[in-house]
């Protein structure tokens, strides 16, 4: 079984082979800027406890983490972009 990191590395390499070099340079510069900002040192790591939280679902209804945890683990995804 391939690890998630190996799969992600393969996707990155394939993308960088076909993407315009200037686009790849912009992506690398943005990633380096994030690393240099110190953000990585402040992020949660695997195994860290998360505080309880409440977020709106896709229909605008409030959803509490404590209620979701009653059904099993939670996966929280963030999408960065302009809508």
C-alpha atoms as a PDB file:
ATOM      1  CA  UNK A   1       0.000   0.000   0.000  1.00  0.00           C
ATOM      2  CA  UNK A   2       1.358   3.407  -0.970  1.00  0.00           C
ATOM      3  CA  UNK A   3       1.519   6.024   1.776  1.00  0.00           C
ATOM      4  CA  UNK A   4      -0.455   9.222   1.472  1.00  0.00           C
ATOM      5  CA  UNK A   5       2.790  11.221   1.400  1.00  0.00           C
ATOM      6  CA  UNK A   6       4.110   9.140  -1.512  1.00  0.00           C
ATOM      7  CA  UNK A   7       0.867   9.641  -3.424  1.00  0.00           C
ATOM      8  CA  UNK A   8       0.942  13.398  -2.808  1.00  0.00           C
ATOM      9  CA  UNK A   9       4.603  13.578  -3.866  1.00  0.00           C
ATOM     10  CA  UNK A  10       3.788  11.707  -7.092  1.00  0.00           C
ATOM     11  CA  UNK A  11       0.918  14.106  -7.843  1.00  0.00           C
ATOM     12  CA  UNK A  12       3.165  17.129  -7.204  1.00  0.00           C
ATOM     13  CA  UNK A  13       5.930  15.801  -9.470  1.00  0.00           C
ATOM     14  CA  UNK A  14       3.454  15.019 -12.272  1.00  0.00           C
ATOM     15  CA  UNK A  15       1.898  18.485 -11.967  1.00  0.00           C
ATOM     16  CA  UNK A  16       5.277  20.229 -12.003  1.00  0.00           C
ATOM     17  CA  UNK A  17       6.297  18.344 -15.164  1.00  0.00           C
ATOM     18  CA  UNK A  18       3.320  19.642 -17.163  1.00  0.00           C
ATOM     19  CA  UNK A  19       2.648  23.042 -15.558  1.00  0.00           C
ATOM     20  CA  UNK A  20       4.227  26.202 -16.949  1.00  0.00           C
ATOM     21  CA  UNK A  21       7.529  26.892 -15.139  1.00  0.00           C
ATOM     22  CA  UNK A  22       6.358  30.363 -14.098  1.00  0.00           C
ATOM     23  CA  UNK A  23       3.287  28.848 -12.402  1.00  0.00           C
ATOM     24  CA  UNK A  24       5.461  26.331 -10.553  1.00  0.00           C
ATOM     25  CA  UNK A  25       7.770  29.168  -9.449  1.00  0.00           C
ATOM     26  CA  UNK A  26       4.788  31.128  -8.075  1.00  0.00           C
ATOM     27  CA  UNK A  27       3.543  28.085  -6.156  1.00  0.00           C
ATOM     28  CA  UNK A  28       6.998  27.408  -4.688  1.00  0.00           C
ATOM     29  CA  UNK A  29       7.406  31.071  -3.704  1.00  0.00           C
ATOM     30  CA  UNK A  30       4.001  31.100  -1.995  1.00  0.00           C
ATOM     31  CA  UNK A  31       4.825  27.892  -0.094  1.00  0.00           C
ATOM     32  CA  UNK A  32       8.163  29.325   1.012  1.00  0.00           C
ATOM     33  CA  UNK A  33       6.450  32.513   2.167  1.00  0.00           C
ATOM     34  CA  UNK A  34       4.076  30.429   4.302  1.00  0.00           C
ATOM     35  CA  UNK A  35       6.984  28.440   5.778  1.00  0.00           C
ATOM     36  CA  UNK A  36       8.920  31.636   6.546  1.00  0.00           C
ATOM     37  CA  UNK A  37       5.881  33.177   8.265  1.00  0.00           C
ATOM     38  CA  UNK A  38       6.135  30.693  11.148  1.00  0.00           C
ATOM     39  CA  UNK A  39       2.624  29.444  10.494  1.00  0.00           C
ATOM     40  CA  UNK A  40       3.711  25.795  10.499  1.00  0.00           C
ATOM     41  CA  UNK A  41       4.938  26.066  14.087  1.00  0.00           C
ATOM     42  CA  UNK A  42       1.472  27.222  15.186  1.00  0.00           C
ATOM     43  CA  UNK A  43      -0.615  24.561  13.429  1.00  0.00           C
ATOM     44  CA  UNK A  44      -2.152  21.496  15.023  1.00  0.00           C
ATOM     45  CA  UNK A  45      -0.308  18.215  14.528  1.00  0.00           C
ATOM     46  CA  UNK A  46      -1.561  14.650  14.257  1.00  0.00           C
ATOM     47  CA  UNK A  47      -2.655  13.587  17.728  1.00  0.00           C
ATOM     48  CA  UNK A  48      -3.129  17.128  19.092  1.00  0.00           C
ATOM     49  CA  UNK A  49      -6.414  17.757  20.874  1.00  0.00           C
ATOM     50  CA  UNK A  50      -8.774  20.209  19.201  1.00  0.00           C
ATOM     51  CA  UNK A  51     -10.968  22.541  21.215  1.00  0.00           C
ATOM     52  CA  UNK A  52     -14.713  22.164  20.844  1.00  0.00           C
ATOM     53  CA  UNK A  53     -16.091  24.259  18.007  1.00  0.00           C
ATOM     54  CA  UNK A  54     -19.269  25.111  16.148  1.00  0.00           C
ATOM     55  CA  UNK A  55     -19.428  25.736  12.394  1.00  0.00           C
ATOM     56  CA  UNK A  56     -22.207  26.132   9.881  1.00  0.00           C
ATOM     57  CA  UNK A  57     -22.747  23.279   7.454  1.00  0.00           C
ATOM     58  CA  UNK A  58     -23.349  23.719   3.727  1.00  0.00           C
ATOM     59  CA  UNK A  59     -26.980  24.633   4.404  1.00  0.00           C
ATOM     60  CA  UNK A  60     -26.154  27.206   7.090  1.00  0.00           C
ATOM     61  CA  UNK A  61     -27.182  25.036  10.035  1.00  0.00           C
ATOM     62  CA  UNK A  62     -24.931  25.072  13.111  1.00  0.00           C
ATOM     63  CA  UNK A  63     -22.961  21.879  13.670  1.00  0.00           C
ATOM     64  CA  UNK A  64     -21.110  21.231  16.950  1.00  0.00           C
ATOM     65  CA  UNK A  65     -17.947  19.165  17.084  1.00  0.00           C
ATOM     66  CA  UNK A  66     -18.973  17.509  20.347  1.00  0.00           C
ATOM     67  CA  UNK A  67     -22.129  16.145  18.704  1.00  0.00           C
ATOM     68  CA  UNK A  68     -20.202  14.870  15.664  1.00  0.00           C
ATOM     69  CA  UNK A  69     -17.594  13.155  17.838  1.00  0.00           C
ATOM     70  CA  UNK A  70     -20.403  11.031  19.276  1.00  0.00           C
ATOM     71  CA  UNK A  71     -20.602   9.315  15.880  1.00  0.00           C
ATOM     72  CA  UNK A  72     -16.844   8.859  15.368  1.00  0.00           C
ATOM     73  CA  UNK A  73     -13.755  10.775  14.240  1.00  0.00           C
ATOM     74  CA  UNK A  74     -14.051  14.133  12.474  1.00  0.00           C
ATOM     75  CA  UNK A  75     -12.231  15.176   9.324  1.00  0.00           C
ATOM     76  CA  UNK A  76     -12.127  18.942   8.910  1.00  0.00           C
ATOM     77  CA  UNK A  77     -11.108  20.352   5.523  1.00  0.00           C
ATOM     78  CA  UNK A  78     -10.395  23.947   4.638  1.00  0.00           C
ATOM     79  CA  UNK A  79     -10.619  25.212   1.089  1.00  0.00           C
ATOM     80  CA  UNK A  80      -8.536  28.234   0.239  1.00  0.00           C
ATOM     81  CA  UNK A  81      -9.680  30.365  -2.637  1.00  0.00           C
ATOM     82  CA  UNK A  82     -11.748  33.210  -3.925  1.00  0.00           C
ATOM     83  CA  UNK A  83     -15.416  32.524  -4.490  1.00  0.00           C
END
